[in-house]
Amino acid sequence: GLDNVTAIVDVNALQADGPTKGVLR
């Protein structure tokens, strides 16, 4: 119940090996 944690996810859809959806959806 760690309500003192907030994650912020940067979804830019790109990884070193290519588009995120192609690497691992």
PDB file of all heavy atoms in Angstrom:
ATOM      1  N   GLY A   1       0.802  -1.217   0.000  1.00  0.00           N
ATOM      2  CA  GLY A   1       0.000   0.000   0.000  1.00  0.00           C
ATOM      3  C   GLY A   1       0.832   1.262   0.000  1.00  0.00           C
ATOM      4  O   GLY A   1       0.511   2.225   0.711  1.00  0.00           O
ATOM      5  N   LEU A   2       1.876   1.278  -0.808  1.00  0.00           N
ATOM      6  CA  LEU A   2       2.813   2.406  -0.788  1.00  0.00           C
ATOM      7  C   LEU A   2       2.255   3.581  -1.578  1.00  0.00           C
ATOM      8  O   LEU A   2       2.609   3.829  -2.740  1.00  0.00           O
ATOM      9  CB  LEU A   2       4.174   1.965  -1.344  1.00  0.00           C
ATOM     10  CG  LEU A   2       4.901   0.895  -0.534  1.00  0.00           C
ATOM     11  CD1 LEU A   2       6.234   0.527  -1.184  1.00  0.00           C
ATOM     12  CD2 LEU A   2       5.113   1.349   0.911  1.00  0.00           C
ATOM     13  N   ASP A   3       1.386   4.338  -0.925  1.00  0.00           N
ATOM     14  CA  ASP A   3       0.828   5.515  -1.583  1.00  0.00           C
ATOM     15  C   ASP A   3       1.789   6.697  -1.543  1.00  0.00           C
ATOM     16  O   ASP A   3       1.433   7.802  -1.967  1.00  0.00           O
ATOM     17  CB  ASP A   3      -0.529   5.895  -0.985  1.00  0.00           C
ATOM     18  CG  ASP A   3      -0.510   6.054   0.525  1.00  0.00           C
ATOM     19  OD1 ASP A   3       0.601   6.112   1.109  1.00  0.00           O
ATOM     20  OD2 ASP A   3      -1.594   6.112   1.130  1.00  0.00           O
ATOM     21  N   ASN A   4       3.010   6.466  -1.054  1.00  0.00           N
ATOM     22  CA  ASN A   4       4.064   7.480  -1.135  1.00  0.00           C
ATOM     23  C   ASN A   4       4.997   7.210  -2.314  1.00  0.00           C
ATOM     24  O   ASN A   4       6.114   7.714  -2.365  1.00  0.00           O
ATOM     25  CB  ASN A   4       4.859   7.579   0.173  1.00  0.00           C
ATOM     26  CG  ASN A   4       5.468   6.251   0.609  1.00  0.00           C
ATOM     27  OD1 ASN A   4       5.072   5.188   0.137  1.00  0.00           O
ATOM     28  ND2 ASN A   4       6.423   6.306   1.533  1.00  0.00           N
ATOM     29  N   VAL A   5       4.528   6.408  -3.272  1.00  0.00           N
ATOM     30  CA  VAL A   5       5.273   6.131  -4.502  1.00  0.00           C
ATOM     31  C   VAL A   5       4.438   6.557  -5.702  1.00  0.00           C
ATOM     32  O   VAL A   5       3.264   6.199  -5.811  1.00  0.00           O
ATOM     33  CB  VAL A   5       5.618   4.635  -4.639  1.00  0.00           C
ATOM     34  CG1 VAL A   5       6.178   4.334  -6.033  1.00  0.00           C
ATOM     35  CG2 VAL A   5       6.613   4.197  -3.582  1.00  0.00           C
ATOM     36  N   THR A   6       5.051   7.301  -6.597  1.00  0.00           N
ATOM     37  CA  THR A   6       4.450   7.617  -7.888  1.00  0.00           C
ATOM     38  C   THR A   6       5.452   7.267  -8.978  1.00  0.00           C
ATOM     39  O   THR A   6       6.575   7.784  -8.989  1.00  0.00           O
ATOM     40  CB  THR A   6       4.075   9.108  -8.005  1.00  0.00           C
ATOM     41  OG1 THR A   6       3.089   9.431  -7.025  1.00  0.00           O
ATOM     42  CG2 THR A   6       3.517   9.415  -9.388  1.00  0.00           C
ATOM     43  N   ALA A   7       5.064   6.375  -9.866  1.00  0.00           N
ATOM     44  CA  ALA A   7       5.880   6.057 -11.036  1.00  0.00           C
ATOM     45  C   ALA A   7       5.456   6.967 -12.181  1.00  0.00           C
ATOM     46  O   ALA A   7       4.281   7.291 -12.335  1.00  0.00           O
ATOM     47  CB  ALA A   7       5.696   4.593 -11.426  1.00  0.00           C
ATOM     48  N   ILE A   8       6.424   7.385 -12.979  1.00  0.00           N
ATOM     49  CA  ILE A   8       6.162   8.202 -14.164  1.00  0.00           C
ATOM     50  C   ILE A   8       6.793   7.454 -15.339  1.00  0.00           C
ATOM     51  O   ILE A   8       8.020   7.289 -15.384  1.00  0.00           O
ATOM     52  CB  ILE A   8       6.780   9.602 -14.040  1.00  0.00           C
ATOM     53  CG1 ILE A   8       6.325  10.286 -12.750  1.00  0.00           C
ATOM     54  CG2 ILE A   8       6.434  10.453 -15.264  1.00  0.00           C
ATOM     55  CD1 ILE A   8       7.152  11.516 -12.385  1.00  0.00           C
ATOM     56  N   VAL A   9       5.976   6.970 -16.253  1.00  0.00           N
ATOM     57  CA  VAL A   9       6.475   6.153 -17.356  1.00  0.00           C
ATOM     58  C   VAL A   9       6.548   6.992 -18.627  1.00  0.00           C
ATOM     59  O   VAL A   9       5.528   7.516 -19.096  1.00  0.00           O
ATOM     60  CB  VAL A   9       5.593   4.917 -17.598  1.00  0.00           C
ATOM     61  CG1 VAL A   9       6.207   4.037 -18.686  1.00  0.00           C
ATOM     62  CG2 VAL A   9       5.419   4.109 -16.312  1.00  0.00           C
ATOM     63  N   ASP A  10       7.749   7.120 -19.175  1.00  0.00           N
ATOM     64  CA  ASP A  10       7.929   7.816 -20.444  1.00  0.00           C
ATOM     65  C   ASP A  10       7.669   6.826 -21.577  1.00  0.00           C
ATOM     66  O   ASP A  10       8.486   5.948 -21.847  1.00  0.00           O
ATOM     67  CB  ASP A  10       9.348   8.378 -20.541  1.00  0.00           C
ATOM     68  CG  ASP A  10       9.638   8.981 -21.906  1.00  0.00           C
ATOM     69  OD1 ASP A  10       8.685   9.519 -22.520  1.00  0.00           O
ATOM     70  OD2 ASP A  10      10.795   8.907 -22.370  1.00  0.00           O
ATOM     71  N   VAL A  11       6.539   6.971 -22.229  1.00  0.00           N
ATOM     72  CA  VAL A  11       6.189   6.091 -23.344  1.00  0.00           C
ATOM     73  C   VAL A  11       6.494   6.842 -24.647  1.00  0.00           C
ATOM     74  O   VAL A  11       5.653   7.555 -25.180  1.00  0.00           O
ATOM     75  CB  VAL A  11       4.702   5.675 -23.285  1.00  0.00           C
ATOM     76  CG1 VAL A  11       4.364   4.735 -24.440  1.00  0.00           C
ATOM     77  CG2 VAL A  11       4.390   5.000 -21.956  1.00  0.00           C
ATOM     78  N   ASN A  12       7.732   6.688 -25.121  1.00  0.00           N
ATOM     79  CA  ASN A  12       8.089   7.317 -26.394  1.00  0.00           C
ATOM     80  C   ASN A  12       8.086   6.309 -27.537  1.00  0.00           C
ATOM     81  O   ASN A  12       8.412   6.646 -28.678  1.00  0.00           O
ATOM     82  CB  ASN A  12       9.442   8.024 -26.304  1.00  0.00           C
ATOM     83  CG  ASN A  12      10.593   7.097 -25.933  1.00  0.00           C
ATOM     84  OD1 ASN A  12      10.606   5.922 -26.288  1.00  0.00           O
ATOM     85  ND2 ASN A  12      11.576   7.620 -25.208  1.00  0.00           N
ATOM     86  N   ALA A  13       7.700   5.072 -27.224  1.00  0.00           N
ATOM     87  CA  ALA A  13       7.477   4.014 -28.222  1.00  0.00           C
ATOM     88  C   ALA A  13       8.736   3.593 -28.970  1.00  0.00           C
ATOM     89  O   ALA A  13       8.653   2.983 -30.033  1.00  0.00           O
ATOM     90  CB  ALA A  13       6.387   4.442 -29.209  1.00  0.00           C
ATOM     91  N   LEU A  14       9.920   3.896 -28.387  1.00  0.00           N
ATOM     92  CA  LEU A  14      11.162   3.552 -29.070  1.00  0.00           C
ATOM     93  C   LEU A  14      12.181   2.989 -28.099  1.00  0.00           C
ATOM     94  O   LEU A  14      12.329   3.498 -26.990  1.00  0.00           O
ATOM     95  CB  LEU A  14      11.751   4.791 -29.761  1.00  0.00           C
ATOM     96  CG  LEU A  14      13.005   4.575 -30.604  1.00  0.00           C
ATOM     97  CD1 LEU A  14      12.694   3.723 -31.824  1.00  0.00           C
ATOM     98  CD2 LEU A  14      13.594   5.919 -31.033  1.00  0.00           C
ATOM     99  N   GLN A  15      12.876   1.936 -28.534  1.00  0.00           N
ATOM    100  CA  GLN A  15      13.950   1.348 -27.749  1.00  0.00           C
ATOM    101  C   GLN A  15      15.203   1.259 -28.610  1.00  0.00           C
ATOM    102  O   GLN A  15      15.164   1.548 -29.813  1.00  0.00           O
ATOM    103  CB  GLN A  15      13.545  -0.035 -27.245  1.00  0.00           C
ATOM    104  CG  GLN A  15      12.318  -0.033 -26.349  1.00  0.00           C
ATOM    105  CD  GLN A  15      11.976  -1.417 -25.822  1.00  0.00           C
ATOM    106  OE1 GLN A  15      12.842  -2.265 -25.659  1.00  0.00           O
ATOM    107  NE2 GLN A  15      10.692  -1.652 -25.559  1.00  0.00           N
ATOM    108  N   ALA A  16      16.296   0.823 -28.021  1.00  0.00           N
ATOM    109  CA  ALA A  16      17.552   0.720 -28.762  1.00  0.00           C
ATOM    110  C   ALA A  16      17.427  -0.214 -29.960  1.00  0.00           C
ATOM    111  O   ALA A  16      18.037   0.011 -31.009  1.00  0.00           O
ATOM    112  CB  ALA A  16      18.666   0.250 -27.830  1.00  0.00           C
ATOM    113  N   ASP A  17      16.625  -1.260 -29.820  1.00  0.00           N
ATOM    114  CA  ASP A  17      16.486  -2.252 -30.888  1.00  0.00           C
ATOM    115  C   ASP A  17      15.338  -1.970 -31.845  1.00  0.00           C
ATOM    116  O   ASP A  17      15.080  -2.775 -32.742  1.00  0.00           O
ATOM    117  CB  ASP A  17      16.298  -3.654 -30.276  1.00  0.00           C
ATOM    118  CG  ASP A  17      17.540  -4.117 -29.534  1.00  0.00           C
ATOM    119  OD1 ASP A  17      18.648  -3.699 -29.925  1.00  0.00           O
ATOM    120  OD2 ASP A  17      17.409  -4.896 -28.575  1.00  0.00           O
ATOM    121  N   GLY A  18      14.634  -0.855 -31.639  1.00  0.00           N
ATOM    122  CA  GLY A  18      13.546  -0.517 -32.550  1.00  0.00           C
ATOM    123  C   GLY A  18      12.297  -0.095 -31.811  1.00  0.00           C
ATOM    124  O   GLY A  18      12.321   0.113 -30.596  1.00  0.00           O
ATOM    125  N   PRO A  19      11.178   0.022 -32.535  1.00  0.00           N
ATOM    126  CA  PRO A  19       9.920   0.417 -31.899  1.00  0.00           C
ATOM    127  C   PRO A  19       9.526  -0.549 -30.784  1.00  0.00           C
ATOM    128  O   PRO A  19       9.683  -1.766 -30.917  1.00  0.00           O
ATOM    129  CB  PRO A  19       8.906   0.366 -33.050  1.00  0.00           C
ATOM    130  CG  PRO A  19       9.745   0.555 -34.286  1.00  0.00           C
ATOM    131  CD  PRO A  19      11.047  -0.133 -33.992  1.00  0.00           C
ATOM    132  N   THR A  20       9.032   0.005 -29.687  1.00  0.00           N
ATOM    133  CA  THR A  20       8.674  -0.814 -28.527  1.00  0.00           C
ATOM    134  C   THR A  20       7.704  -1.928 -28.893  1.00  0.00           C
ATOM    135  O   THR A  20       7.857  -3.071 -28.452  1.00  0.00           O
ATOM    136  CB  THR A  20       8.060   0.075 -27.426  1.00  0.00           C
ATOM    137  OG1 THR A  20       9.036   1.039 -27.012  1.00  0.00           O
ATOM    138  CG2 THR A  20       7.632  -0.744 -26.225  1.00  0.00           C
ATOM    139  N   LYS A  21       6.717  -1.629 -29.712  1.00  0.00           N
ATOM    140  CA  LYS A  21       5.715  -2.640 -30.046  1.00  0.00           C
ATOM    141  C   LYS A  21       6.312  -3.799 -30.828  1.00  0.00           C
ATOM    142  O   LYS A  21       5.754  -4.905 -30.831  1.00  0.00           O
ATOM    143  CB  LYS A  21       4.565  -2.009 -30.836  1.00  0.00           C
ATOM    144  CG  LYS A  21       4.947  -1.458 -32.204  1.00  0.00           C
ATOM    145  CD  LYS A  21       3.742  -0.838 -32.893  1.00  0.00           C
ATOM    146  CE  LYS A  21       4.110  -0.290 -34.278  1.00  0.00           C
ATOM    147  NZ  LYS A  21       2.924   0.336 -34.926  1.00  0.00           N
ATOM    148  N   GLY A  22       7.462  -3.566 -31.473  1.00  0.00           N
ATOM    149  CA  GLY A  22       8.122  -4.640 -32.199  1.00  0.00           C
ATOM    150  C   GLY A  22       9.088  -5.429 -31.340  1.00  0.00           C
ATOM    151  O   GLY A  22       9.315  -6.625 -31.574  1.00  0.00           O
ATOM    152  N   VAL A  23       9.674  -4.777 -30.325  1.00  0.00           N
ATOM    153  CA  VAL A  23      10.621  -5.456 -29.437  1.00  0.00           C
ATOM    154  C   VAL A  23       9.866  -6.353 -28.461  1.00  0.00           C
ATOM    155  O   VAL A  23      10.143  -7.547 -28.332  1.00  0.00           O
ATOM    156  CB  VAL A  23      11.479  -4.430 -28.676  1.00  0.00           C
ATOM    157  CG1 VAL A  23      12.399  -5.133 -27.674  1.00  0.00           C
ATOM    158  CG2 VAL A  23      12.301  -3.592 -29.651  1.00  0.00           C
ATOM    159  N   LEU A  24       8.904  -5.772 -27.759  1.00  0.00           N
ATOM    160  CA  LEU A  24       8.055  -6.529 -26.843  1.00  0.00           C
ATOM    161  C   LEU A  24       6.815  -5.689 -26.568  1.00  0.00           C
ATOM    162  O   LEU A  24       6.899  -4.663 -25.897  1.00  0.00           O
ATOM    163  CB  LEU A  24       8.783  -6.853 -25.534  1.00  0.00           C
ATOM    164  CG  LEU A  24       8.047  -7.793 -24.575  1.00  0.00           C
ATOM    165  CD1 LEU A  24       7.843  -9.176 -25.209  1.00  0.00           C
ATOM    166  CD2 LEU A  24       8.811  -7.951 -23.263  1.00  0.00           C
ATOM    167  N   ARG A  25       5.689  -6.106 -27.089  1.00  0.00           N
ATOM    168  CA  ARG A  25       4.470  -5.312 -26.961  1.00  0.00           C
ATOM    169  C   ARG A  25       4.033  -5.223 -25.498  1.00  0.00           C
ATOM    170  O   ARG A  25       3.890  -6.239 -24.827  1.00  0.00           O
ATOM    171  CB  ARG A  25       3.354  -5.939 -27.804  1.00  0.00           C
ATOM    172  CG  ARG A  25       2.097  -5.092 -27.881  1.00  0.00           C
ATOM    173  CD  ARG A  25       1.045  -5.709 -28.807  1.00  0.00           C
ATOM    174  NE  ARG A  25       0.551  -6.978 -28.305  1.00  0.00           N
ATOM    175  CZ  ARG A  25       0.851  -8.171 -28.805  1.00  0.00           C
ATOM    176  NH1 ARG A  25       1.669  -8.250 -29.854  1.00  0.00           N
ATOM    177  NH2 ARG A  25       0.350  -9.271 -28.300  1.00  0.00           N
TER     178      ARG A  25
END
